[in-house]
Amino acid sequence: MKNTLLSLFVLGCALNLQTALADDGLALFQSKSCVACHSVDSKLVGPALKEVAAKNAGVAGAAQTLAGHIKNGTQGNWGPIPMPANAVSEEEAAQLAKWVLSLK
C-alpha cells in the first residue's frame, strides 16, 4: 500500500512539474520578441513552434542546436527569411528550446 501511494505521489509531482515547466516556457516565450514572428500553432513569419518541435523530434542535440538558433539567430532552416539573434541569456535560450521541443 505504501509503495502504491508513494508511486501515485511521485507521478502527481511529476505531472505538476511538467505543467509548471510548460507554463514557465509559455510565459518566457510571450515576454520575448519571439511572438512577433512565431506562434505555437500556426505559421506567421516563422514556422509554428509545434512544427519546429515535430521537425526536431528524436534528433540528437536538438535542444542545444535550437538554443543556439534562438540566441544567435539562423538563416535558411525554414526558408529565405532569416531569424535574427534574440536578446536572451544562455539559460533563457535553453529553457525556450526545451519548452519548444516539448510541444505536441
Protein backbone atom coordinates (compact mmCIF):
# COMPACT_ATOMS: atom_id res chain seq x y z
CA MET A 1 0.00 0.00 0.00
CA LYS A 2 2.81 2.40 0.89
CA ASN A 3 4.54 1.74 -2.44
CA THR A 4 1.33 2.44 -4.35
CA LEU A 5 0.74 5.70 -2.51
CA LEU A 6 4.35 6.75 -2.96
CA SER A 7 4.18 5.94 -6.68
CA LEU A 8 0.99 7.97 -7.08
CA PHE A 9 2.53 10.87 -5.16
CA VAL A 10 5.67 10.86 -7.35
CA LEU A 11 3.56 10.67 -10.51
CA GLY A 12 1.43 13.59 -9.34
CA CYS A 13 4.52 15.67 -8.59
CA ALA A 14 6.00 14.88 -12.00
CA LEU A 15 2.80 15.93 -13.76
CA ASN A 16 2.64 19.16 -11.77
CA LEU A 17 6.29 19.88 -12.55
CA GLN A 18 5.68 19.31 -16.27
CA THR A 19 2.73 21.71 -16.17
CA ALA A 20 4.80 24.28 -14.30
CA LEU A 21 7.62 24.00 -16.86
CA ALA A 22 5.13 24.39 -19.70
CA ASP A 23 3.62 27.47 -18.07
CA ASP A 24 7.09 28.94 -17.45
CA GLY A 25 8.11 28.28 -21.06
CA LEU A 26 4.97 29.90 -22.44
CA ALA A 27 5.37 32.91 -20.15
CA LEU A 28 9.01 33.32 -21.19
CA PHE A 29 8.07 32.98 -24.88
CA GLN A 30 5.36 35.61 -24.50
CA SER A 31 7.76 38.00 -22.75
CA LYS A 32 10.31 37.93 -25.57
CA SER A 33 10.29 39.21 -29.14
CA CYS A 34 9.72 35.64 -30.39
CA VAL A 35 5.98 36.35 -30.51
CA ALA A 36 6.48 38.89 -33.29
CA CYS A 37 7.29 36.10 -35.77
CA HIS A 38 6.16 32.83 -34.17
CA SER A 39 3.03 31.34 -32.68
CA VAL A 40 2.56 27.98 -31.05
CA ASP A 41 0.05 26.57 -33.55
CA SER A 42 0.30 28.44 -36.84
CA LYS A 43 2.90 29.91 -39.17
CA LEU A 44 3.41 33.67 -39.00
CA VAL A 45 6.70 34.99 -40.37
CA GLY A 46 8.48 31.95 -38.97
CA PRO A 47 7.21 28.41 -38.53
CA ALA A 48 4.75 27.38 -35.83
CA LEU A 49 6.61 26.20 -32.76
CA LYS A 50 4.81 22.86 -32.95
CA GLU A 51 6.31 22.43 -36.45
CA VAL A 52 9.77 23.12 -35.02
CA ALA A 53 9.15 20.52 -32.31
CA ALA A 54 7.94 17.94 -34.84
CA LYS A 55 10.89 18.53 -37.17
CA ASN A 56 13.35 18.08 -34.30
CA ALA A 57 11.63 15.18 -32.51
CA GLY A 58 14.18 12.49 -31.73
CA VAL A 59 17.11 14.49 -33.17
CA ALA A 60 20.21 14.16 -31.02
CA GLY A 61 21.42 17.53 -29.72
CA ALA A 62 18.28 19.32 -30.89
CA ALA A 63 17.87 21.30 -27.65
CA GLN A 64 21.40 22.70 -27.83
CA THR A 65 21.10 23.48 -31.54
CA LEU A 66 17.75 25.18 -31.10
CA ALA A 67 19.02 27.19 -28.11
CA GLY A 68 21.90 28.41 -30.28
CA HIS A 69 19.49 29.41 -33.04
CA ILE A 70 17.29 31.25 -30.56
CA LYS A 71 20.21 33.18 -29.06
CA ASN A 72 22.32 33.80 -32.16
CA GLY A 73 19.80 33.68 -34.99
CA THR A 74 19.89 31.50 -38.08
CA GLN A 75 19.15 31.55 -41.77
CA GLY A 76 17.93 29.03 -44.31
CA ASN A 77 16.44 26.40 -41.97
CA TRP A 78 12.83 27.32 -42.77
CA GLY A 79 13.14 29.36 -45.94
CA PRO A 80 14.79 32.57 -47.09
CA ILE A 81 13.74 34.84 -44.19
CA PRO A 82 16.49 34.91 -41.55
CA MET A 83 15.75 34.66 -37.86
CA PRO A 84 17.62 37.43 -36.04
CA ALA A 85 19.52 36.94 -32.81
CA ASN A 86 17.38 37.40 -29.72
CA ALA A 87 18.11 39.28 -26.52
CA VAL A 88 18.03 36.21 -24.28
CA SER A 89 20.53 34.72 -21.86
CA GLU A 90 22.02 31.28 -22.40
CA GLU A 91 19.70 29.95 -19.69
CA GLU A 92 16.61 31.54 -21.27
CA ALA A 93 17.56 30.18 -24.70
CA ALA A 94 17.96 26.69 -23.21
CA GLN A 95 14.62 26.97 -21.37
CA LEU A 96 12.85 28.17 -24.53
CA ALA A 97 14.40 25.37 -26.61
CA LYS A 98 13.36 22.72 -24.10
CA TRP A 99 9.83 24.15 -23.99
CA VAL A 100 9.51 24.31 -27.78
CA LEU A 101 10.67 20.71 -28.10
CA SER A 102 8.05 19.62 -25.54
CA LEU A 103 5.17 20.93 -27.68
CA LYS A 104 2.97 18.39 -29.43
